[in-house]
Protein backbone atom coordinates (compact mmCIF):
# COMPACT_ATOMS: atom_id res chain seq x y z
CA MET A 1 -16.79 0.18 -1.62
CA HIS A 2 -15.05 -3.30 -1.95
CA LEU A 3 -14.68 -5.81 1.08
CA TYR A 4 -11.99 -8.31 1.51
CA ALA A 5 -13.74 -10.95 4.17
CA LEU A 6 -11.99 -13.97 5.53
CA LEU A 7 -12.43 -16.73 8.14
CA SER A 8 -9.98 -17.95 10.11
CA ASP A 9 -9.52 -20.74 12.89
CA ARG A 10 -10.55 -18.50 15.67
CA ILE A 11 -12.45 -15.27 14.08
CA MET A 12 -13.83 -13.52 11.08
CA LEU A 13 -12.00 -10.44 10.35
CA LYS A 14 -13.23 -8.15 7.39
CA ILE A 15 -11.48 -5.23 5.72
CA ASP A 16 -13.01 -1.86 4.43
CA ALA A 17 -11.36 1.17 2.88
CA LEU A 18 -12.50 4.59 4.92
CA PRO A 19 -11.41 7.37 2.32
CA ALA A 20 -9.78 10.29 3.74
CA PHE A 21 -8.65 13.31 2.19
CA SER A 22 -8.96 13.42 -1.60
CA ASP A 23 -7.52 10.21 -2.61
CA ASN A 24 -6.24 8.27 0.43
CA TYR A 25 -7.74 5.23 2.12
CA ILE A 26 -7.74 4.64 5.72
CA TRP A 27 -7.90 0.34 5.99
CA LEU A 28 -10.00 -0.73 8.84
CA LEU A 29 -9.64 -4.29 9.93
CA GLN A 30 -12.67 -5.67 11.63
CA ASP A 31 -12.87 -8.67 14.25
CA LEU A 32 -16.47 -9.56 13.80
CA GLU A 33 -16.78 -11.27 16.67
CA GLN A 34 -15.26 -9.61 19.25
CA ARG A 35 -16.07 -6.21 17.99
CA ARG A 36 -12.59 -4.85 17.99
CA CYS A 37 -10.98 -3.15 15.02
CA ALA A 38 -7.73 -1.73 13.60
CA VAL A 39 -6.85 0.96 11.28
CA VAL A 40 -3.76 1.54 8.92
CA ASP A 41 -2.43 5.01 8.06
CA PRO A 42 -5.56 7.17 9.74
CA GLY A 43 -3.80 10.84 8.52
CA ASP A 44 -7.50 12.30 9.42
CA ALA A 45 -9.42 10.88 12.71
CA ALA A 46 -12.80 11.76 11.22
CA PRO A 47 -13.88 9.08 9.12
CA VAL A 48 -12.62 6.71 11.93
CA GLU A 49 -14.69 8.72 14.52
CA ALA A 50 -17.63 8.49 12.03
CA TRP A 51 -17.16 4.87 11.76
CA LEU A 52 -17.22 4.34 15.57
CA ALA A 53 -20.00 6.48 15.80
CA ALA A 54 -21.82 4.63 13.59
CA ASN A 55 -20.72 1.05 14.86
CA PRO A 56 -21.15 1.57 18.76
CA GLY A 57 -19.66 -0.94 20.87
CA TRP A 58 -16.43 -1.43 18.72
CA GLN A 59 -13.40 -1.04 20.09
CA LEU A 60 -10.31 0.52 18.23
CA SER A 61 -7.36 -1.44 19.62
CA ASP A 62 -4.57 -0.92 17.07
CA ILE A 63 -3.49 1.70 14.67
CA LEU A 64 -1.01 0.68 12.19
CA ILE A 65 1.54 3.34 10.77
CA THR A 66 3.74 2.72 7.48
CA HIS A 67 5.72 5.75 7.78
CA HIS A 68 5.73 9.38 8.89
CA HIS A 69 4.14 11.74 6.05
CA PHE A 70 1.41 13.54 7.64
CA ASP A 71 -1.40 12.05 5.44
CA HIS A 72 -0.84 8.82 7.14
CA VAL A 73 -0.20 9.83 10.60
CA GLY A 74 -2.30 12.82 11.10
CA GLY A 75 -5.16 11.53 12.97
CA VAL A 76 -2.98 9.47 15.32
CA GLU A 77 -3.05 11.24 18.26
CA ARG A 78 -6.59 12.08 18.22
CA LEU A 79 -7.89 8.77 17.99
CA LYS A 80 -5.45 7.44 20.54
CA SER A 81 -6.55 10.22 22.89
CA ALA A 82 -10.02 9.20 22.14
CA THR A 83 -9.70 5.11 22.16
CA GLY A 84 -6.63 4.52 23.96
CA ALA A 85 -5.34 2.41 20.74
CA ARG A 86 -1.96 1.14 20.74
CA VAL A 87 0.14 2.66 18.31
CA LEU A 88 2.37 0.70 15.88
CA GLY A 89 4.94 2.37 13.50
CA PRO A 90 8.24 2.30 12.02
CA ALA A 91 11.47 2.25 14.91
CA GLN A 92 13.37 4.64 12.37
CA GLU A 93 11.06 7.20 11.87
CA ASN A 94 9.32 10.06 14.16
CA ILE A 95 5.47 8.55 14.24
CA PRO A 96 3.73 10.83 16.93
CA ALA A 97 2.19 9.28 20.32
CA ARG A 98 4.14 5.65 19.20
CA ASP A 99 3.64 2.48 21.70
CA LEU A 100 5.79 0.05 19.83
CA PRO A 101 8.54 0.67 17.49
CA LEU A 102 8.98 -1.64 14.71
CA SER A 103 11.90 -2.82 12.81
CA GLU A 104 13.10 -5.47 10.12
CA GLY A 105 11.76 -9.30 11.38
CA ASP A 106 9.64 -8.04 14.13
CA SER A 107 6.11 -9.38 14.18
CA VAL A 108 3.50 -8.44 15.89
CA GLU A 109 -0.25 -9.79 16.87
CA VAL A 110 -3.31 -7.31 15.77
CA LEU A 111 -6.75 -8.71 16.19
CA GLY A 112 -5.46 -12.22 16.70
CA GLN A 113 -3.56 -12.13 13.51
CA ARG A 114 0.28 -12.22 13.19
CA LEU A 115 1.83 -9.45 11.07
CA ARG A 116 5.54 -9.42 10.22
CA VAL A 117 7.44 -6.10 9.55
CA LEU A 118 9.35 -5.71 6.25
CA GLU A 119 11.55 -2.32 5.94
CA VAL A 120 10.89 -0.96 2.47
CA PRO A 121 12.71 2.04 2.35
CA GLY A 122 12.48 4.36 -0.61
CA HIS A 123 9.59 6.59 -0.20
CA THR A 124 10.57 7.41 2.93
CA LEU A 125 13.89 6.08 4.84
CA GLY A 126 12.01 3.93 7.46
CA HIS A 127 9.15 2.76 5.29
CA ILE A 128 7.22 -0.44 6.65
CA ALA A 129 4.89 -2.83 5.47
CA TYR A 130 2.78 -5.01 7.17
CA TYR A 131 2.42 -8.76 6.06
CA GLN A 132 0.28 -11.63 7.18
CA ALA A 133 1.73 -14.99 5.78
CA GLU A 134 -1.04 -17.24 6.40
CA GLN A 135 -4.25 -14.82 5.23
CA GLN A 136 -1.57 -13.31 2.92
CA TRP A 137 -2.12 -9.63 2.90
CA LEU A 138 -0.11 -6.71 2.47
CA PHE A 139 -0.29 -3.53 3.88
CA CYS A 140 2.48 -1.50 1.90
CA GLY A 141 1.30 2.31 2.61
CA ASP A 142 3.41 4.32 -0.30
CA THR A 143 5.88 1.84 -1.47
CA LEU A 144 3.79 -0.19 -3.89
CA PHE A 145 0.64 1.05 -5.27
CA ALA A 146 -2.04 -0.54 -7.79
CA ALA A 147 0.29 -0.34 -11.15
CA GLY A 148 2.76 2.24 -9.56
CA CYS A 149 4.82 2.77 -6.62
CA GLY A 150 5.68 6.11 -4.48
CA ARG A 151 7.74 8.83 -5.05
CA LEU A 152 11.62 9.30 -3.66
CA PHE A 153 11.29 11.54 -1.17
CA GLU A 154 14.07 10.57 0.91
CA GLY A 155 15.42 6.93 -0.70
CA THR A 156 17.35 6.34 -3.78
CA ALA A 157 15.93 4.26 -7.11
CA GLU A 158 18.28 1.56 -5.76
CA GLN A 159 16.28 1.42 -2.58
CA MET A 160 13.08 1.41 -3.76
CA HIS A 161 13.88 -1.04 -6.51
CA ALA A 162 15.12 -3.44 -4.30
CA SER A 163 12.15 -2.61 -1.61
CA LEU A 164 9.55 -3.21 -5.00
CA SER A 165 11.39 -6.70 -5.67
CA ARG A 166 10.95 -7.57 -2.19
CA LEU A 167 7.17 -7.17 -2.10
CA ALA A 168 6.91 -8.54 -5.75
CA ALA A 169 8.71 -11.71 -4.52
CA LEU A 170 5.74 -12.46 -2.00
CA PRO A 171 3.00 -14.98 -3.47
CA GLY A 172 0.81 -14.34 -6.44
CA GLN A 173 -2.30 -13.99 -4.33
CA THR A 174 -1.08 -11.61 -1.78
CA ALA A 175 -3.94 -9.00 -1.40
CA VAL A 176 -2.04 -5.49 -1.68
CA TYR A 177 -3.64 -3.02 0.09
CA CYS A 178 -1.97 0.38 -0.43
CA THR A 179 -3.28 3.59 0.63
CA HIS A 180 -3.90 6.28 -2.49
CA GLU A 181 -6.35 5.77 -5.51
CA TYR A 182 -4.06 6.17 -8.06
CA THR A 183 -4.60 3.27 -10.14
CA LEU A 184 -6.53 5.09 -13.21
CA SER A 185 -3.48 7.57 -13.99
CA ASN A 186 -1.00 4.68 -13.03
CA LEU A 187 -2.47 2.40 -15.76
CA ARG A 188 -2.31 5.18 -18.21
CA PHE A 189 1.62 5.76 -17.90
CA ALA A 190 1.81 1.89 -17.49
CA GLN A 191 0.28 1.59 -21.17
CA ALA A 192 2.70 4.14 -22.51
CA VAL A 193 5.61 2.00 -21.41
CA GLU A 194 4.03 -0.94 -22.40
CA PRO A 195 1.32 -0.06 -25.19
CA ASN A 196 1.27 -3.93 -26.31
CA ASN A 197 0.77 -5.34 -22.96
CA PRO A 198 -3.04 -6.80 -23.11
CA GLN A 199 -3.20 -7.31 -19.33
CA ILE A 200 -2.56 -3.36 -19.02
CA ALA A 201 -5.12 -2.97 -21.37
CA GLN A 202 -7.54 -4.89 -19.94
CA ARG A 203 -6.99 -3.75 -16.31
CA LEU A 204 -7.20 -0.18 -17.75
CA GLN A 205 -11.20 -0.57 -19.28
CA GLU A 206 -11.63 -2.48 -15.83
CA VAL A 207 -10.50 0.21 -13.62
CA SER A 208 -11.99 2.95 -15.71
CA ALA A 209 -15.38 1.12 -15.25
CA TRP A 210 -14.80 0.90 -11.65
CA ARG A 211 -14.03 4.45 -11.28
CA ALA A 212 -16.88 5.47 -13.35
CA ALA A 213 -19.46 3.66 -11.03
CA GLY A 214 -17.82 5.28 -7.75
CA GLN A 215 -16.21 2.17 -6.92
CA ILE A 216 -12.53 1.61 -5.52
CA SER A 217 -10.22 -0.06 -7.57
CA LEU A 218 -8.16 -1.94 -4.40
CA PRO A 219 -7.25 -4.26 -3.06
CA SER A 220 -4.77 -5.54 -6.13
CA THR A 221 -3.20 -8.83 -5.90
CA VAL A 222 0.90 -9.08 -6.33
CA ALA A 223 0.27 -11.25 -9.27
CA LEU A 224 -1.76 -8.57 -10.97
CA GLU A 225 1.01 -6.41 -10.23
CA ARG A 226 3.94 -8.47 -11.49
CA ALA A 227 1.90 -8.26 -14.71
CA THR A 228 0.78 -4.83 -15.14
CA ASN A 229 2.93 -2.82 -13.24
CA PRO A 230 6.24 -0.93 -15.09
CA PHE A 231 7.95 -0.72 -11.91
CA LEU A 232 7.91 -4.22 -11.22
CA ARG A 233 8.63 -5.23 -14.68
CA SER A 234 12.35 -2.94 -15.08
CA ALA A 235 14.00 -6.34 -16.09
CA GLU A 236 11.51 -6.90 -19.23
CA THR A 237 13.23 -6.68 -22.39
CA SER A 238 10.15 -4.42 -23.52
CA VAL A 239 10.40 -1.98 -20.57
CA LYS A 240 14.18 -1.60 -21.09
CA GLU A 241 14.27 -0.86 -24.57
CA LYS A 242 10.73 1.76 -24.32
CA ILE A 243 13.00 3.77 -21.40
CA GLU A 244 16.29 3.87 -23.50
CA ALA A 245 14.04 5.05 -26.53
CA HIS A 246 12.65 7.69 -24.00
CA GLU A 247 16.14 8.57 -22.71
CA GLY A 248 17.85 8.01 -25.78
CA ARG A 249 20.65 6.55 -23.74
CA VAL A 250 21.47 2.48 -22.93
CA LYS A 251 20.42 1.33 -19.38
CA ARG A 252 22.34 -1.40 -17.85
CA SER A 253 20.55 -2.72 -14.92
CA PRO A 254 16.98 -2.86 -13.82
CA SER A 255 17.63 -0.63 -10.99
CA GLU A 256 18.61 2.05 -14.09
CA VAL A 257 15.58 1.24 -15.77
CA PHE A 258 13.62 1.40 -12.70
CA ALA A 259 15.07 5.02 -11.79
CA GLY A 260 14.33 6.09 -15.46
CA LEU A 261 10.51 4.93 -15.06
CA ARG A 262 10.49 7.01 -11.76
CA THR A 263 11.92 10.01 -13.34
CA TRP A 264 9.39 9.64 -16.46
CA LYS A 265 6.28 9.02 -14.44
CA ASP A 266 7.27 12.44 -11.82
CA SER A 267 6.36 14.56 -15.00
CA PHE A 268 4.08 12.15 -17.22
């Protein structure tokens, strides 16, 4: 299991992935000094409960939600009832047991770290992401995936393209903590879109080895996504030409190219 640890001015935090269902990750943030923790998108309470049982003396202080889908909120009420944790989530969506509704531009302190709220509609209309600017973490739910992006269940292609462009503009070293292990299948699609991109080929080989060894493929980085994620590369000539050849018609704007990529990926 990959870890991401950091030493800030005051505390040490560690971030672990708790697997849930077949391919979800619940991100577990741990304040190693205060023995407090927070979780992101606990669709199932059981993995969090198991971790707390195996680590007595720890307090679950916060539950961060990115959007309303059940595989991200299914464990919220049980965890809140058992621990009293504060539940934070998007103001524009129906989030169970939510204490603090969050909108664009809000900031919130979690485990001593200031997280900024970004509204990133597309996958759902009220989807939000949490960004920590100093440590450069991004908890982006189902908007940006490693080498991919979420399906358009509620929003438009234009909305999702704008949301992804916004995330792609974050500093390159920003760690991308998305919530599904889709990287290998996403990279296979990326290679179909850009068969001559050497960074995609290298990443596919690397992730294939990780998955064969039982390792997770996350977190990614914004820089890696810019280089290998076709959904962030719709302005690239090679991507535009590929989608035009695939559909047999000219695409005029990056958002139209993005829409074509998303439709192709849906049936890939």
